[in-house]
């Protein structure tokens, strides 16, 4: 019999100090200083890949850092930094070759579409993948854990949480990517989403160029995957 979700939650919460030390040990002093400046100005939450990889024991070097903040990012904090604003209202900042993506909570897609609940209750419910349904408060040093993340840890299966997304083609490609990276099964619910939202092959190739700067899955390979999933 597998672990209960409540036990998995306690286990995650027991790793708070270890995770905090791990995170700061992997970033440069300049990145750490910038995050500390942010923390003085607003509540700062870490989300996405870094937390997931820590708990599935894939502790690679950080390619990027994804942050959500409660207040608006002030121009003063951006002075002298190499940054650009993206089309969805977030900021992409490069410090010591580490890419930091920052989103103001009011501009996160799922938060706009899903809920008016407080941040700590709403964001874990507005992610596309279940493995992203967890935040870490850098101010309070605590995890905010969605029930879907607990199920991910229990079942070792990639699933969908919130199916409204502006880029279904990226969600589809990322399903292939994370299925291979984690070597986890893809849920039937997620396969059904892909079938219902399947995009033209040109779109699936184009989004790879934009996101990965390369085509990592040729059309023939994606067709094989979709046939295996009984989508085609």
Protein backbone atom coordinates (compact mmCIF):
# COMPACT_ATOMS: atom_id res chain seq x y z
CA UNK A 1 0.00 0.00 0.00
CA UNK A 2 1.40 3.41 -1.00
CA UNK A 3 1.92 6.39 1.24
CA UNK A 4 -1.05 8.53 2.21
CA UNK A 5 -1.16 12.06 0.82
CA UNK A 6 -1.01 13.48 4.35
CA UNK A 7 2.23 11.59 4.99
CA UNK A 8 3.72 12.82 1.71
CA UNK A 9 2.81 16.38 2.68
CA UNK A 10 4.55 16.02 6.05
CA UNK A 11 7.61 14.61 4.33
CA UNK A 12 7.76 17.58 1.94
CA UNK A 13 7.32 20.06 4.78
CA UNK A 14 10.14 18.38 6.71
CA UNK A 15 12.54 19.20 3.86
CA UNK A 16 12.08 22.98 4.10
CA UNK A 17 15.48 23.85 5.57
CA UNK A 18 17.29 21.37 3.33
CA UNK A 19 15.60 22.84 0.25
CA UNK A 20 16.34 26.42 1.28
CA UNK A 21 20.04 25.61 1.74
CA UNK A 22 20.06 23.71 -1.55
CA UNK A 23 18.51 26.60 -3.48
CA UNK A 24 20.89 29.28 -2.22
CA UNK A 25 23.90 27.00 -2.65
CA UNK A 26 23.15 26.71 -6.38
CA UNK A 27 22.86 30.42 -7.20
CA UNK A 28 25.54 33.09 -7.49
CA UNK A 29 26.00 35.88 -4.91
CA UNK A 30 24.62 38.38 -7.44
CA UNK A 31 21.46 36.35 -8.00
CA UNK A 32 21.08 35.89 -4.24
CA UNK A 33 21.46 39.64 -3.67
CA UNK A 34 18.79 40.42 -6.25
CA UNK A 35 16.36 37.95 -4.68
CA UNK A 36 17.01 39.46 -1.25
CA UNK A 37 16.18 42.90 -2.66
CA UNK A 38 12.93 41.51 -4.04
CA UNK A 39 12.08 39.97 -0.67
CA UNK A 40 12.39 43.35 1.03
CA UNK A 41 9.85 44.80 -1.40
CA UNK A 42 7.32 41.97 -1.79
CA UNK A 43 6.43 38.36 -1.09
CA UNK A 44 8.47 36.15 -3.44
CA UNK A 45 7.50 32.61 -4.42
CA UNK A 46 9.62 30.09 -6.27
CA UNK A 47 7.79 27.66 -8.52
CA UNK A 48 8.12 25.12 -11.31
CA UNK A 49 11.18 23.05 -12.28
CA UNK A 50 13.59 23.65 -9.39
CA UNK A 51 11.14 22.34 -6.79
CA UNK A 52 10.01 19.44 -8.95
CA UNK A 53 13.56 18.32 -9.72
CA UNK A 54 14.53 18.52 -6.05
CA UNK A 55 11.76 16.15 -5.02
CA UNK A 56 12.26 13.68 -7.87
CA UNK A 57 15.98 13.74 -7.04
CA UNK A 58 17.19 15.31 -10.29
CA UNK A 59 19.34 18.07 -8.85
CA UNK A 60 20.82 19.56 -12.00
CA UNK A 61 22.31 23.00 -12.42
CA UNK A 62 19.64 25.68 -12.62
CA UNK A 63 18.90 26.64 -16.22
CA UNK A 64 16.45 29.27 -15.07
CA UNK A 65 14.60 30.43 -11.98
CA UNK A 66 10.83 31.03 -12.02
CA UNK A 67 9.45 33.50 -9.48
CA UNK A 68 6.01 34.93 -8.72
CA UNK A 69 5.73 38.15 -6.71
CA UNK A 70 2.70 39.71 -5.02
CA UNK A 71 3.51 43.38 -5.70
CA UNK A 72 4.49 45.11 -8.92
CA UNK A 73 8.15 44.97 -9.90
CA UNK A 74 9.51 48.50 -9.52
CA UNK A 75 11.78 50.20 -12.05
CA UNK A 76 14.24 50.85 -9.21
CA UNK A 77 14.86 47.11 -8.80
CA UNK A 78 15.47 46.74 -12.54
CA UNK A 79 17.99 49.58 -12.83
CA UNK A 80 21.24 48.40 -14.40
CA UNK A 81 19.97 44.89 -15.10
CA UNK A 82 19.84 43.07 -18.42
CA UNK A 83 16.10 42.39 -18.79
CA UNK A 84 13.19 42.32 -21.18
CA UNK A 85 9.43 42.26 -20.74
CA UNK A 86 7.51 39.45 -22.38
CA UNK A 87 4.12 39.45 -24.08
CA UNK A 88 2.31 38.10 -21.00
CA UNK A 89 3.55 40.85 -18.68
CA UNK A 90 6.42 38.98 -17.05
CA UNK A 91 10.09 39.94 -16.89
CA UNK A 92 13.07 37.92 -18.09
CA UNK A 93 16.27 38.98 -16.31
CA UNK A 94 19.79 37.71 -16.97
CA UNK A 95 22.17 37.80 -13.99
CA UNK A 96 25.47 35.91 -14.22
CA UNK A 97 24.03 33.87 -17.13
CA UNK A 98 21.14 32.73 -14.94
CA UNK A 99 17.74 33.53 -16.45
CA UNK A 100 15.21 34.72 -13.88
CA UNK A 101 11.58 34.79 -15.05
CA UNK A 102 9.45 36.97 -12.79
CA UNK A 103 5.66 37.16 -12.89
CA UNK A 104 3.43 39.50 -10.93
CA UNK A 105 0.64 37.33 -9.56
CA UNK A 106 -2.07 39.48 -11.14
CA UNK A 107 -0.53 38.75 -14.57
CA UNK A 108 -0.25 34.98 -14.26
CA UNK A 109 -2.56 33.35 -16.78
CA UNK A 110 -4.22 30.85 -14.48
CA UNK A 111 -4.75 33.36 -11.67
CA UNK A 112 -6.60 35.69 -14.06
CA UNK A 113 -8.82 32.90 -15.34
CA UNK A 114 -9.37 30.68 -12.34
CA UNK A 115 -9.76 32.31 -8.97
CA UNK A 116 -10.01 35.30 -6.69
CA UNK A 117 -8.76 33.27 -3.74
CA UNK A 118 -5.61 34.37 -1.89
CA UNK A 119 -2.33 33.60 -3.65
CA UNK A 120 -1.39 30.70 -1.42
CA UNK A 121 -4.67 28.91 -2.19
CA UNK A 122 -5.06 29.74 -5.85
CA UNK A 123 -1.75 29.38 -7.67
CA UNK A 124 -1.24 25.64 -7.07
CA UNK A 125 -4.68 25.15 -8.65
CA UNK A 126 -3.86 27.17 -11.77
CA UNK A 127 -0.83 25.32 -13.13
CA UNK A 128 -1.09 23.20 -16.25
CA UNK A 129 0.94 20.22 -14.99
CA UNK A 130 0.48 18.53 -11.62
CA UNK A 131 4.23 18.59 -10.95
CA UNK A 132 4.07 22.41 -10.93
CA UNK A 133 1.32 22.54 -8.30
CA UNK A 134 3.66 23.64 -5.51
CA UNK A 135 5.26 26.94 -4.47
CA UNK A 136 8.04 27.81 -2.08
CA UNK A 137 7.83 31.08 -0.16
CA UNK A 138 11.33 32.53 -0.09
CA UNK A 139 10.21 35.07 2.54
CA UNK A 140 8.59 32.64 4.96
CA UNK A 141 10.65 29.55 4.08
CA UNK A 142 7.64 27.32 3.59
CA UNK A 143 6.05 25.20 0.89
CA UNK A 144 2.55 25.87 -0.42
CA UNK A 145 1.51 22.45 -1.64
CA UNK A 146 -1.33 21.69 -4.02
CA UNK A 147 -3.15 18.39 -3.71
CA UNK A 148 -2.21 17.62 -7.31
CA UNK A 149 1.50 17.76 -6.45
CA UNK A 150 0.93 15.26 -3.64
CA UNK A 151 -0.79 12.93 -6.12
CA UNK A 152 2.13 13.39 -8.52
CA UNK A 153 4.57 12.33 -5.81
CA UNK A 154 2.38 9.35 -4.87
CA UNK A 155 1.47 8.05 -8.34
CA UNK A 156 4.56 9.10 -10.33
CA UNK A 157 2.26 10.10 -13.19
CA UNK A 158 2.17 13.34 -15.21
CA UNK A 159 -1.32 14.83 -15.16
CA UNK A 160 -3.16 18.03 -15.99
CA UNK A 161 -4.51 20.43 -13.35
CA UNK A 162 -5.95 23.47 -15.16
CA UNK A 163 -6.74 22.93 -18.82
CA UNK A 164 -7.21 26.52 -19.98
CA UNK A 165 -3.90 27.66 -21.45
CA UNK A 166 -2.98 30.23 -24.12
CA UNK A 167 -0.34 27.94 -25.69
CA UNK A 168 -1.75 24.41 -26.11
CA UNK A 169 0.99 23.61 -28.63
CA UNK A 170 3.67 24.22 -25.98
CA UNK A 171 1.73 22.15 -23.43
CA UNK A 172 1.65 19.26 -25.91
CA UNK A 173 5.37 19.43 -26.69
CA UNK A 174 6.20 19.80 -22.99
CA UNK A 175 4.18 16.68 -22.22
CA UNK A 176 6.50 14.71 -24.50
CA UNK A 177 9.56 16.45 -23.03
CA UNK A 178 8.74 15.88 -19.36
CA UNK A 179 7.47 12.36 -19.97
CA UNK A 180 10.94 11.52 -21.29
CA UNK A 181 12.89 13.61 -18.77
CA UNK A 182 11.14 12.14 -15.74
CA UNK A 183 10.42 8.74 -17.29
CA UNK A 184 6.90 8.97 -15.87
CA UNK A 185 3.63 7.79 -17.38
CA UNK A 186 1.25 10.35 -18.92
CA UNK A 187 -2.29 10.20 -17.52
CA UNK A 188 -5.33 9.41 -19.66
CA UNK A 189 -6.79 12.79 -18.75
CA UNK A 190 -3.74 14.56 -20.18
CA UNK A 191 -3.85 12.40 -23.31
CA UNK A 192 -7.50 13.38 -23.75
CA UNK A 193 -6.52 17.05 -23.49
CA UNK A 194 -3.89 16.56 -26.20
CA UNK A 195 -6.38 14.79 -28.45
CA UNK A 196 -8.95 17.56 -28.01
CA UNK A 197 -6.39 20.33 -28.52
CA UNK A 198 -4.07 18.75 -31.06
CA UNK A 199 -2.41 21.46 -33.13
CA UNK A 200 -1.14 21.36 -36.73
CA UNK A 201 2.32 19.80 -36.96
CA UNK A 202 3.75 23.12 -38.19
CA UNK A 203 2.71 24.76 -34.90
CA UNK A 204 4.27 21.98 -32.84
CA UNK A 205 7.55 22.39 -34.72
CA UNK A 206 7.46 26.18 -34.55
CA UNK A 207 6.93 26.26 -30.77
CA UNK A 208 9.98 24.03 -30.32
CA UNK A 209 12.11 26.51 -32.25
CA UNK A 210 10.87 29.33 -30.02
CA UNK A 211 11.06 27.49 -26.70
CA UNK A 212 14.08 25.19 -27.10
CA UNK A 213 15.83 27.16 -29.89
CA UNK A 214 15.86 23.87 -31.77
CA UNK A 215 13.54 21.16 -33.09
CA UNK A 216 14.10 18.28 -30.69
CA UNK A 217 11.08 16.23 -31.81
CA UNK A 218 10.67 15.87 -35.60
CA UNK A 219 7.17 15.46 -37.00
CA UNK A 220 7.67 11.72 -37.60
CA UNK A 221 8.67 11.17 -33.96
CA UNK A 222 5.70 13.12 -32.58
CA UNK A 223 3.34 11.10 -34.77
CA UNK A 224 4.78 7.90 -33.29
CA UNK A 225 4.21 9.22 -29.76
CA UNK A 226 0.64 10.29 -30.56
CA UNK A 227 -0.10 6.88 -32.11
CA UNK A 228 1.30 5.16 -29.02
CA UNK A 229 -0.99 7.34 -26.89
CA UNK A 230 -3.92 6.47 -29.23
CA UNK A 231 -4.35 10.15 -30.12
CA UNK A 232 -4.01 9.68 -33.89
